[in-house]
Amino acid sequence: MLLRLMKYSLYVNYQPDPMMYIADTLSRAYVESEHESDDIEVDTNMRIHSLVTNLPMFNQRKQKVQCATAEDETMVKLSQTIAGG
């Protein structure tokens, strides 16, 4: 959701409760949706994947991280633990 909002310039202004007619009405007419959070999560994951794969020099940095991880004893143990369960 934050990624979606980044393209907007937001201005937040506090309004006391008596001035919040629409928000109060909308909060009372709440409709529960089970699929909305799944859609947002899928959309967020797709955007993150797109950003990461389109970053310049991503493959070179990935190789550097993989080499550094292979040389670090703690990271090797962590990788083995994660892979082994």
C-alpha atoms as a PDB file:
ATOM      1  CA  MET A   1       0.000   0.000   0.000  1.00  0.00           C
ATOM      2  CA  LEU A   2       2.852   2.376   0.758  1.00  0.00           C
ATOM      3  CA  LEU A   3       4.247   1.786  -2.725  1.00  0.00           C
ATOM      4  CA  ARG A   4       0.917   2.804  -4.221  1.00  0.00           C
ATOM      5  CA  LEU A   5       0.817   5.969  -2.129  1.00  0.00           C
ATOM      6  CA  MET A   6       4.367   7.036  -3.008  1.00  0.00           C
ATOM      7  CA  LYS A   7       3.204   8.607  -6.278  1.00  0.00           C
ATOM      8  CA  TYR A   8       0.955  11.057  -4.383  1.00  0.00           C
ATOM      9  CA  SER A   9       1.887  14.115  -2.389  1.00  0.00           C
ATOM     10  CA  LEU A  10      -0.230  13.789   0.744  1.00  0.00           C
ATOM     11  CA  TYR A  11      -1.276  16.504   3.147  1.00  0.00           C
ATOM     12  CA  VAL A  12      -2.669  15.243   6.453  1.00  0.00           C
ATOM     13  CA  ASN A  13      -4.786  17.540   8.568  1.00  0.00           C
ATOM     14  CA  TYR A  14      -6.327  16.593  11.926  1.00  0.00           C
ATOM     15  CA  GLN A  15     -10.084  17.022  12.177  1.00  0.00           C
ATOM     16  CA  PRO A  16     -11.854  16.590  15.526  1.00  0.00           C
ATOM     17  CA  ASP A  17     -14.607  13.971  15.782  1.00  0.00           C
ATOM     18  CA  PRO A  18     -17.605  16.328  15.358  1.00  0.00           C
ATOM     19  CA  MET A  19     -16.244  17.409  11.949  1.00  0.00           C
ATOM     20  CA  MET A  20     -15.746  13.844  10.629  1.00  0.00           C
ATOM     21  CA  TYR A  21     -19.218  13.105   9.215  1.00  0.00           C
ATOM     22  CA  ILE A  22     -18.163  11.027   6.220  1.00  0.00           C
ATOM     23  CA  ALA A  23     -15.522   9.012   8.050  1.00  0.00           C
ATOM     24  CA  ASP A  24     -17.997   8.193  10.818  1.00  0.00           C
ATOM     25  CA  THR A  25     -20.621   7.077   8.295  1.00  0.00           C
ATOM     26  CA  LEU A  26     -18.125   4.960   6.365  1.00  0.00           C
ATOM     27  CA  SER A  27     -16.790   3.320   9.516  1.00  0.00           C
ATOM     28  CA  ARG A  28     -20.316   2.248  10.458  1.00  0.00           C
ATOM     29  CA  ALA A  29     -20.954   0.802   6.981  1.00  0.00           C
ATOM     30  CA  TYR A  30     -17.860  -1.408   7.037  1.00  0.00           C
ATOM     31  CA  VAL A  31     -17.994  -4.450   4.735  1.00  0.00           C
ATOM     32  CA  GLU A  32     -15.609  -7.242   5.613  1.00  0.00           C
ATOM     33  CA  SER A  33     -13.618  -8.588   2.674  1.00  0.00           C
ATOM     34  CA  GLU A  34     -11.482 -11.706   2.885  1.00  0.00           C
ATOM     35  CA  HIS A  35      -9.792 -11.330  -0.495  1.00  0.00           C
ATOM     36  CA  GLU A  36      -8.681  -7.714  -0.309  1.00  0.00           C
ATOM     37  CA  SER A  37      -5.590  -8.386   1.802  1.00  0.00           C
ATOM     38  CA  ASP A  38      -4.579 -11.260  -0.491  1.00  0.00           C
ATOM     39  CA  ASP A  39      -4.883  -9.006  -3.547  1.00  0.00           C
ATOM     40  CA  ILE A  40      -2.794  -6.298  -1.910  1.00  0.00           C
ATOM     41  CA  GLU A  41      -0.151  -8.813  -0.855  1.00  0.00           C
ATOM     42  CA  VAL A  42       0.056 -10.311  -4.346  1.00  0.00           C
ATOM     43  CA  ASP A  43       0.217  -6.842  -5.916  1.00  0.00           C
ATOM     44  CA  THR A  44       2.936  -5.749  -3.492  1.00  0.00           C
ATOM     45  CA  ASN A  45       4.984  -8.880  -4.132  1.00  0.00           C
ATOM     46  CA  MET A  46       4.679  -8.367  -7.887  1.00  0.00           C
ATOM     47  CA  ARG A  47       5.811  -4.744  -7.602  1.00  0.00           C
ATOM     48  CA  ILE A  48       8.771  -5.650  -5.396  1.00  0.00           C
ATOM     49  CA  HIS A  49       9.789  -8.434  -7.783  1.00  0.00           C
ATOM     50  CA  SER A  50       9.517  -6.024 -10.717  1.00  0.00           C
ATOM     51  CA  LEU A  51      11.609  -3.390  -8.942  1.00  0.00           C
ATOM     52  CA  VAL A  52      14.312  -5.852  -7.925  1.00  0.00           C
ATOM     53  CA  THR A  53      14.630  -7.505 -11.327  1.00  0.00           C
ATOM     54  CA  ASN A  54      14.788  -4.154 -13.118  1.00  0.00           C
ATOM     55  CA  LEU A  55      17.404  -2.587 -10.865  1.00  0.00           C
ATOM     56  CA  PRO A  56      20.580  -1.654 -12.696  1.00  0.00           C
ATOM     57  CA  MET A  57      23.522  -3.958 -11.992  1.00  0.00           C
ATOM     58  CA  PHE A  58      21.290  -6.332 -10.021  1.00  0.00           C
ATOM     59  CA  ASN A  59      23.079  -9.454 -11.289  1.00  0.00           C
ATOM     60  CA  GLN A  60      26.540  -8.129 -10.406  1.00  0.00           C
ATOM     61  CA  ARG A  61      25.457  -7.178  -6.896  1.00  0.00           C
ATOM     62  CA  LYS A  62      23.723 -10.509  -6.486  1.00  0.00           C
ATOM     63  CA  GLN A  63      26.945 -12.314  -7.400  1.00  0.00           C
ATOM     64  CA  LYS A  64      28.914 -10.201  -4.905  1.00  0.00           C
ATOM     65  CA  VAL A  65      26.428 -10.995  -2.153  1.00  0.00           C
ATOM     66  CA  GLN A  66      26.506 -14.702  -3.020  1.00  0.00           C
ATOM     67  CA  CYS A  67      30.319 -14.754  -2.944  1.00  0.00           C
ATOM     68  CA  ALA A  68      30.445 -12.858   0.348  1.00  0.00           C
ATOM     69  CA  THR A  69      27.826 -15.191   1.810  1.00  0.00           C
ATOM     70  CA  ALA A  70      29.792 -18.261   0.700  1.00  0.00           C
ATOM     71  CA  GLU A  71      32.925 -16.897   2.402  1.00  0.00           C
ATOM     72  CA  ASP A  72      31.194 -15.966   5.680  1.00  0.00           C
ATOM     73  CA  GLU A  73      31.074 -18.898   8.107  1.00  0.00           C
ATOM     74  CA  THR A  74      27.988 -17.648   9.940  1.00  0.00           C
ATOM     75  CA  MET A  75      26.054 -17.097   6.726  1.00  0.00           C
ATOM     76  CA  VAL A  76      26.991 -20.567   5.462  1.00  0.00           C
ATOM     77  CA  LYS A  77      25.630 -22.125   8.667  1.00  0.00           C
ATOM     78  CA  LEU A  78      22.501 -19.993   8.436  1.00  0.00           C
ATOM     79  CA  SER A  79      21.938 -21.007   4.799  1.00  0.00           C
ATOM     80  CA  GLN A  80      22.368 -24.676   5.697  1.00  0.00           C
ATOM     81  CA  THR A  81      19.940 -24.350   8.600  1.00  0.00           C
ATOM     82  CA  ILE A  82      17.343 -22.651   6.420  1.00  0.00           C
ATOM     83  CA  ALA A  83      17.735 -25.202   3.621  1.00  0.00           C
ATOM     84  CA  GLY A  84      17.701 -28.152   6.019  1.00  0.00           C
ATOM     85  CA  GLY A  85      14.807 -26.945   8.105  1.00  0.00           C
END
